[in-house]
Amino acid sequence: EVQLVESGGGSVQAGGSLTLSCTASGFTLDDYTMGWFRQAPGREREGVSVILNTDDKTGIRTYYEASVKGRFTISSDNAGSTVFLQMNNLKPEDTAVYYCVAGDSATFEADDYDYWGQGTQVTVSS
């Protein structure tokens, strides 16, 4: 059974940092692209970052939404079963529920991801 469990959300002041973790059951990065989406109140879900194992000489590839590039870093453990999102220099506009996702495509389209975690709240105060 495929399952994604997130942890690490919380409340911080602007400029602070948080690290989200997502542990996968039933698969690893060898099987699916993994990543993070977020949803703020009154807004649609948006892709934040994705990570995939290309199975070629390129190895691991990562992609970031423009507003988080340079502040957020996505990574995985050696087994490819846990994905992390290190979030630095957080801004109030980063406030949202963050969801771990897994699917076959490396896109920022929510419909392309078949598996979703339960979500973890990140709140950034000014």
N, C-alpha and C. Protein backbone atom coordinates (compact mmCIF):
# COMPACT_ATOMS: atom_id res chain seq x y z
N GLU A 1 0.84 -1.19 0.00
CA GLU A 1 0.00 0.00 0.00
C GLU A 1 0.88 1.24 0.00
N VAL A 2 0.60 2.18 -0.88
CA VAL A 2 1.35 3.43 -0.94
C VAL A 2 0.83 4.38 0.12
N GLN A 3 1.72 4.92 0.90
CA GLN A 3 1.34 5.86 1.94
C GLN A 3 2.42 6.91 2.09
N LEU A 4 2.01 8.15 2.34
CA LEU A 4 2.92 9.27 2.56
C LEU A 4 2.56 9.91 3.89
N VAL A 5 3.56 10.09 4.74
CA VAL A 5 3.32 10.69 6.05
C VAL A 5 4.27 11.86 6.23
N GLU A 6 3.68 13.06 6.40
CA GLU A 6 4.48 14.27 6.58
C GLU A 6 4.66 14.59 8.05
N SER A 7 5.72 15.33 8.32
CA SER A 7 5.95 15.87 9.66
C SER A 7 6.82 17.11 9.54
N GLY A 8 6.87 17.89 10.61
CA GLY A 8 7.79 19.02 10.66
C GLY A 8 7.18 20.38 10.49
N GLY A 9 5.87 20.47 10.28
CA GLY A 9 5.26 21.79 10.18
C GLY A 9 5.28 22.51 11.52
N GLY A 10 4.89 23.77 11.49
CA GLY A 10 4.84 24.54 12.73
C GLY A 10 4.70 26.02 12.45
N SER A 11 4.96 26.81 13.48
CA SER A 11 4.85 28.26 13.38
C SER A 11 6.20 28.89 13.61
N VAL A 12 6.55 29.84 12.74
CA VAL A 12 7.81 30.56 12.87
C VAL A 12 7.59 32.01 12.51
N GLN A 13 8.53 32.86 12.88
CA GLN A 13 8.50 34.25 12.47
C GLN A 13 9.18 34.39 11.10
N ALA A 14 8.84 35.44 10.41
CA ALA A 14 9.45 35.71 9.11
C ALA A 14 10.97 35.71 9.25
N GLY A 15 11.61 35.09 8.26
CA GLY A 15 13.06 34.95 8.30
C GLY A 15 13.54 33.66 8.93
N GLY A 16 12.62 32.94 9.56
CA GLY A 16 12.98 31.69 10.22
C GLY A 16 13.04 30.52 9.26
N SER A 17 13.29 29.33 9.84
CA SER A 17 13.45 28.12 9.03
C SER A 17 12.63 26.97 9.61
N LEU A 18 12.23 26.08 8.73
CA LEU A 18 11.57 24.84 9.10
C LEU A 18 12.01 23.76 8.12
N THR A 19 12.01 22.52 8.59
CA THR A 19 12.27 21.39 7.70
C THR A 19 11.10 20.42 7.75
N LEU A 20 10.52 20.15 6.59
CA LEU A 20 9.44 19.18 6.48
C LEU A 20 10.02 17.84 6.06
N SER A 21 9.44 16.76 6.56
CA SER A 21 9.85 15.41 6.18
C SER A 21 8.64 14.65 5.65
N CYS A 22 8.89 13.78 4.72
CA CYS A 22 7.83 12.93 4.15
C CYS A 22 8.38 11.52 4.01
N THR A 23 7.81 10.60 4.75
CA THR A 23 8.24 9.22 4.69
C THR A 23 7.26 8.41 3.85
N ALA A 24 7.80 7.72 2.85
CA ALA A 24 6.97 6.93 1.94
C ALA A 24 6.96 5.47 2.36
N SER A 25 5.81 4.86 2.23
CA SER A 25 5.69 3.42 2.46
C SER A 25 5.22 2.77 1.16
N GLY A 26 5.83 1.66 0.82
CA GLY A 26 5.39 0.93 -0.37
C GLY A 26 6.09 1.30 -1.66
N PHE A 27 6.98 2.29 -1.61
CA PHE A 27 7.71 2.68 -2.81
C PHE A 27 8.88 3.57 -2.41
N THR A 28 9.75 3.87 -3.38
CA THR A 28 10.87 4.80 -3.17
C THR A 28 10.97 5.72 -4.38
N LEU A 29 11.97 6.56 -4.37
CA LEU A 29 12.23 7.47 -5.49
C LEU A 29 12.56 6.70 -6.77
N ASP A 30 12.94 5.44 -6.66
CA ASP A 30 13.18 4.63 -7.85
C ASP A 30 11.88 4.36 -8.61
N ASP A 31 10.75 4.49 -7.89
CA ASP A 31 9.46 4.15 -8.48
C ASP A 31 8.67 5.38 -8.92
N TYR A 32 8.72 6.46 -8.14
CA TYR A 32 7.89 7.64 -8.40
C TYR A 32 8.67 8.92 -8.18
N THR A 33 8.29 9.96 -8.87
CA THR A 33 8.69 11.31 -8.52
C THR A 33 7.99 11.68 -7.22
N MET A 34 8.71 12.41 -6.37
CA MET A 34 8.09 12.90 -5.13
C MET A 34 8.25 14.40 -5.05
N GLY A 35 7.43 15.03 -4.25
CA GLY A 35 7.55 16.47 -4.15
C GLY A 35 6.63 17.05 -3.11
N TRP A 36 6.51 18.38 -3.15
CA TRP A 36 5.70 19.12 -2.19
C TRP A 36 4.81 20.11 -2.94
N PHE A 37 3.55 20.13 -2.53
CA PHE A 37 2.59 21.15 -2.94
C PHE A 37 2.16 21.89 -1.69
N ARG A 38 1.54 23.04 -1.88
CA ARG A 38 0.98 23.76 -0.75
C ARG A 38 -0.33 24.41 -1.14
N GLN A 39 -1.15 24.66 -0.12
CA GLN A 39 -2.44 25.32 -0.35
C GLN A 39 -2.69 26.31 0.76
N ALA A 40 -2.78 27.57 0.37
CA ALA A 40 -3.12 28.63 1.32
C ALA A 40 -4.63 28.84 1.31
N PRO A 41 -5.19 29.39 2.38
CA PRO A 41 -6.65 29.61 2.44
C PRO A 41 -7.14 30.42 1.26
N GLY A 42 -8.19 29.93 0.61
CA GLY A 42 -8.78 30.65 -0.51
C GLY A 42 -8.02 30.53 -1.81
N ARG A 43 -6.96 29.72 -1.83
CA ARG A 43 -6.15 29.59 -3.04
C ARG A 43 -6.08 28.13 -3.47
N GLU A 44 -5.77 27.91 -4.74
CA GLU A 44 -5.61 26.56 -5.25
C GLU A 44 -4.27 25.99 -4.81
N ARG A 45 -4.19 24.67 -4.85
CA ARG A 45 -2.92 24.02 -4.54
C ARG A 45 -1.89 24.40 -5.60
N GLU A 46 -0.65 24.63 -5.15
CA GLU A 46 0.41 24.97 -6.09
C GLU A 46 1.64 24.13 -5.80
N GLY A 47 2.34 23.78 -6.86
CA GLY A 47 3.56 23.01 -6.71
C GLY A 47 4.67 23.86 -6.13
N VAL A 48 5.45 23.29 -5.24
CA VAL A 48 6.55 23.99 -4.58
C VAL A 48 7.89 23.45 -5.07
N SER A 49 8.05 22.13 -5.02
CA SER A 49 9.32 21.53 -5.40
C SER A 49 9.11 20.05 -5.67
N VAL A 50 9.86 19.50 -6.63
CA VAL A 50 9.80 18.06 -6.90
C VAL A 50 11.22 17.52 -7.02
N ILE A 51 11.34 16.21 -6.78
CA ILE A 51 12.62 15.53 -6.87
C ILE A 51 12.39 14.18 -7.55
N LEU A 52 13.31 13.82 -8.44
CA LEU A 52 13.16 12.53 -9.10
C LEU A 52 14.53 11.92 -9.36
N ASN A 53 14.52 10.61 -9.47
CA ASN A 53 15.71 9.85 -9.79
C ASN A 53 15.60 9.48 -11.27
N THR A 54 16.48 10.05 -12.09
CA THR A 54 16.34 9.87 -13.53
C THR A 54 16.84 8.52 -14.02
N ASP A 55 17.52 7.76 -13.14
CA ASP A 55 18.00 6.44 -13.53
C ASP A 55 19.01 6.51 -14.66
N ASP A 56 19.59 7.68 -14.91
CA ASP A 56 20.66 7.75 -15.90
C ASP A 56 21.84 8.47 -15.25
N LYS A 57 22.78 8.93 -16.09
CA LYS A 57 23.99 9.55 -15.53
C LYS A 57 23.66 10.83 -14.77
N THR A 58 22.50 11.44 -15.09
CA THR A 58 22.13 12.68 -14.40
C THR A 58 21.82 12.44 -12.93
N GLY A 59 21.25 11.28 -12.65
CA GLY A 59 20.93 10.98 -11.27
C GLY A 59 19.73 11.75 -10.76
N ILE A 60 19.86 12.35 -9.57
CA ILE A 60 18.77 13.06 -8.94
C ILE A 60 18.59 14.44 -9.58
N ARG A 61 17.35 14.78 -9.91
CA ARG A 61 17.02 16.12 -10.41
C ARG A 61 16.03 16.76 -9.46
N THR A 62 16.13 18.09 -9.33
CA THR A 62 15.21 18.83 -8.48
C THR A 62 14.68 20.05 -9.23
N TYR A 63 13.45 20.42 -8.91
CA TYR A 63 12.80 21.57 -9.53
C TYR A 63 12.12 22.38 -8.46
N TYR A 64 12.08 23.71 -8.66
CA TYR A 64 11.50 24.60 -7.68
C TYR A 64 10.58 25.62 -8.34
N GLU A 65 9.50 25.94 -7.64
CA GLU A 65 8.64 27.05 -8.05
C GLU A 65 9.42 28.34 -7.86
N ALA A 66 9.18 29.32 -8.72
CA ALA A 66 10.03 30.51 -8.76
C ALA A 66 10.12 31.24 -7.42
N SER A 67 9.02 31.33 -6.69
CA SER A 67 9.01 32.13 -5.46
C SER A 67 9.81 31.50 -4.33
N VAL A 68 10.14 30.21 -4.44
CA VAL A 68 10.87 29.55 -3.35
C VAL A 68 12.31 29.24 -3.75
N LYS A 69 12.65 29.42 -5.02
CA LYS A 69 13.99 29.09 -5.48
C LYS A 69 15.02 29.93 -4.73
N GLY A 70 16.06 29.26 -4.23
CA GLY A 70 17.08 29.94 -3.45
C GLY A 70 16.79 29.97 -1.97
N ARG A 71 15.55 29.67 -1.58
CA ARG A 71 15.19 29.64 -0.15
C ARG A 71 14.87 28.22 0.32
N PHE A 72 14.28 27.42 -0.55
CA PHE A 72 13.89 26.06 -0.20
C PHE A 72 14.83 25.06 -0.88
N THR A 73 15.09 23.95 -0.20
CA THR A 73 15.92 22.88 -0.76
C THR A 73 15.22 21.54 -0.53
N ILE A 74 15.02 20.79 -1.62
CA ILE A 74 14.43 19.46 -1.51
C ILE A 74 15.55 18.43 -1.60
N SER A 75 15.44 17.37 -0.82
CA SER A 75 16.46 16.33 -0.82
C SER A 75 15.81 15.02 -0.37
N SER A 76 16.57 13.93 -0.47
CA SER A 76 16.07 12.64 -0.01
C SER A 76 17.15 11.91 0.76
N ASP A 77 16.76 10.91 1.51
CA ASP A 77 17.74 10.08 2.18
C ASP A 77 18.31 9.08 1.17
N ASN A 78 19.32 8.33 1.57
CA ASN A 78 20.00 7.43 0.64
C ASN A 78 19.07 6.33 0.12
N ALA A 79 18.14 5.93 0.94
CA ALA A 79 17.21 4.87 0.52
C ALA A 79 16.15 5.37 -0.44
N GLY A 80 15.98 6.70 -0.50
CA GLY A 80 14.94 7.26 -1.37
C GLY A 80 13.54 7.09 -0.84
N SER A 81 13.43 6.82 0.47
CA SER A 81 12.11 6.61 1.04
C SER A 81 11.63 7.79 1.87
N THR A 82 12.52 8.73 2.15
CA THR A 82 12.15 9.93 2.88
C THR A 82 12.62 11.15 2.11
N VAL A 83 11.73 12.10 1.94
CA VAL A 83 12.04 13.34 1.24
C VAL A 83 11.92 14.49 2.22
N PHE A 84 12.85 15.42 2.12
CA PHE A 84 12.88 16.57 3.02
C PHE A 84 12.67 17.86 2.23
N LEU A 85 12.11 18.85 2.90
CA LEU A 85 12.03 20.19 2.32
C LEU A 85 12.56 21.15 3.37
N GLN A 86 13.79 21.61 3.15
CA GLN A 86 14.39 22.61 4.03
C GLN A 86 13.93 23.98 3.57
N MET A 87 13.28 24.71 4.46
CA MET A 87 12.72 26.02 4.11
C MET A 87 13.40 27.08 4.94
N ASN A 88 14.14 27.96 4.28
CA ASN A 88 14.85 29.04 4.94
C ASN A 88 14.26 30.39 4.54
N ASN A 89 14.56 31.40 5.34
CA ASN A 89 14.09 32.75 5.06
C ASN A 89 12.59 32.75 4.74
N LEU A 90 11.83 32.14 5.61
CA LEU A 90 10.40 32.01 5.38
C LEU A 90 9.71 33.36 5.42
N LYS A 91 8.68 33.49 4.59
CA LYS A 91 7.92 34.73 4.47
C LYS A 91 6.46 34.45 4.83
N PRO A 92 5.71 35.47 5.26
CA PRO A 92 4.29 35.25 5.57
C PRO A 92 3.52 34.62 4.42
N GLU A 93 3.90 34.92 3.19
CA GLU A 93 3.20 34.34 2.04
C GLU A 93 3.49 32.86 1.84
N ASP A 94 4.42 32.30 2.61
CA ASP A 94 4.66 30.85 2.57
C ASP A 94 3.67 30.10 3.46
N THR A 95 2.87 30.82 4.21
CA THR A 95 1.88 30.19 5.09
C THR A 95 0.89 29.37 4.27
N ALA A 96 0.77 28.09 4.60
CA ALA A 96 -0.09 27.18 3.85
C ALA A 96 -0.05 25.81 4.50
N VAL A 97 -0.95 24.93 4.04
CA VAL A 97 -0.82 23.51 4.35
C VAL A 97 0.07 22.91 3.26
N TYR A 98 1.11 22.22 3.68
CA TYR A 98 2.06 21.62 2.75
C TYR A 98 1.77 20.12 2.63
N TYR A 99 1.69 19.66 1.39
CA TYR A 99 1.38 18.27 1.11
C TYR A 99 2.54 17.59 0.41
N CYS A 100 2.87 16.40 0.85
CA CYS A 100 3.82 15.55 0.15
C CYS A 100 3.06 14.79 -0.94
N VAL A 101 3.68 14.66 -2.11
CA VAL A 101 3.01 14.00 -3.23
C VAL A 101 3.95 13.00 -3.90
N ALA A 102 3.37 12.07 -4.63
CA ALA A 102 4.14 11.11 -5.42
C ALA A 102 3.36 10.78 -6.69
N GLY A 103 4.08 10.66 -7.80
CA GLY A 103 3.43 10.36 -9.06
C GLY A 103 4.45 10.02 -10.13
N ASP A 104 3.95 9.86 -11.36
CA ASP A 104 4.82 9.44 -12.46
C ASP A 104 5.49 10.60 -13.16
N SER A 105 4.97 11.82 -13.01
CA SER A 105 5.48 12.96 -13.77
C SER A 105 6.15 13.98 -12.87
N ALA A 106 7.13 14.66 -13.41
CA ALA A 106 7.81 15.73 -12.65
C ALA A 106 7.26 17.08 -13.09
N THR A 107 6.06 17.36 -12.68
CA THR A 107 5.41 18.62 -13.05
C THR A 107 4.93 19.33 -11.80
N PHE A 108 4.37 20.53 -12.00
CA PHE A 108 3.74 21.27 -10.92
C PHE A 108 2.22 21.29 -11.10
N GLU A 109 1.70 20.25 -11.75
CA GLU A 109 0.26 20.11 -11.92
C GLU A 109 -0.28 19.11 -10.90
N ALA A 110 -1.17 19.54 -10.06
CA ALA A 110 -1.68 18.69 -8.99
C ALA A 110 -2.31 17.41 -9.53
N ASP A 111 -2.96 17.50 -10.67
CA ASP A 111 -3.65 16.34 -11.23
C ASP A 111 -2.69 15.24 -11.67
N ASP A 112 -1.40 15.56 -11.81
CA ASP A 112 -0.42 14.57 -12.24
C ASP A 112 0.06 13.68 -11.10
N TYR A 113 -0.36 13.96 -9.89
CA TYR A 113 0.11 13.20 -8.74
C TYR A 113 -1.02 12.36 -8.16
N ASP A 114 -0.74 11.05 -8.08
CA ASP A 114 -1.76 10.11 -7.64
C ASP A 114 -1.83 9.96 -6.12
N TYR A 115 -0.72 10.24 -5.45
CA TYR A 115 -0.65 9.98 -4.02
C TYR A 115 -0.34 11.26 -3.26
N TRP A 116 -1.09 11.48 -2.19
CA TRP A 116 -0.98 12.69 -1.38
C TRP A 116 -0.92 12.31 0.10
N GLY A 117 -0.08 13.06 0.82
CA GLY A 117 -0.09 12.92 2.27
C GLY A 117 -1.25 13.69 2.87
N GLN A 118 -1.33 13.66 4.19
CA GLN A 118 -2.46 14.30 4.88
C GLN A 118 -2.26 15.80 5.04
N GLY A 119 -1.06 16.29 4.83
CA GLY A 119 -0.78 17.72 4.93
C GLY A 119 -0.26 18.12 6.30
N THR A 120 0.58 19.13 6.31
CA THR A 120 1.11 19.68 7.56
C THR A 120 1.10 21.20 7.46
N GLN A 121 0.66 21.86 8.52
CA GLN A 121 0.49 23.31 8.50
C GLN A 121 1.81 24.02 8.74
N VAL A 122 2.08 25.02 7.91
CA VAL A 122 3.22 25.92 8.11
C VAL A 122 2.65 27.33 8.23
N THR A 123 2.95 28.00 9.32
CA THR A 123 2.46 29.36 9.56
C THR A 123 3.66 30.27 9.80
N VAL A 124 3.74 31.34 9.01
CA VAL A 124 4.84 32.29 9.14
C VAL A 124 4.25 33.65 9.51
N SER A 125 4.65 34.17 10.64
CA SER A 125 4.13 35.45 11.11
C SER A 125 5.13 36.56 10.82
N SER A 126 4.57 37.75 10.60
CA SER A 126 5.44 38.90 10.26
C SER A 126 5.91 39.62 11.50
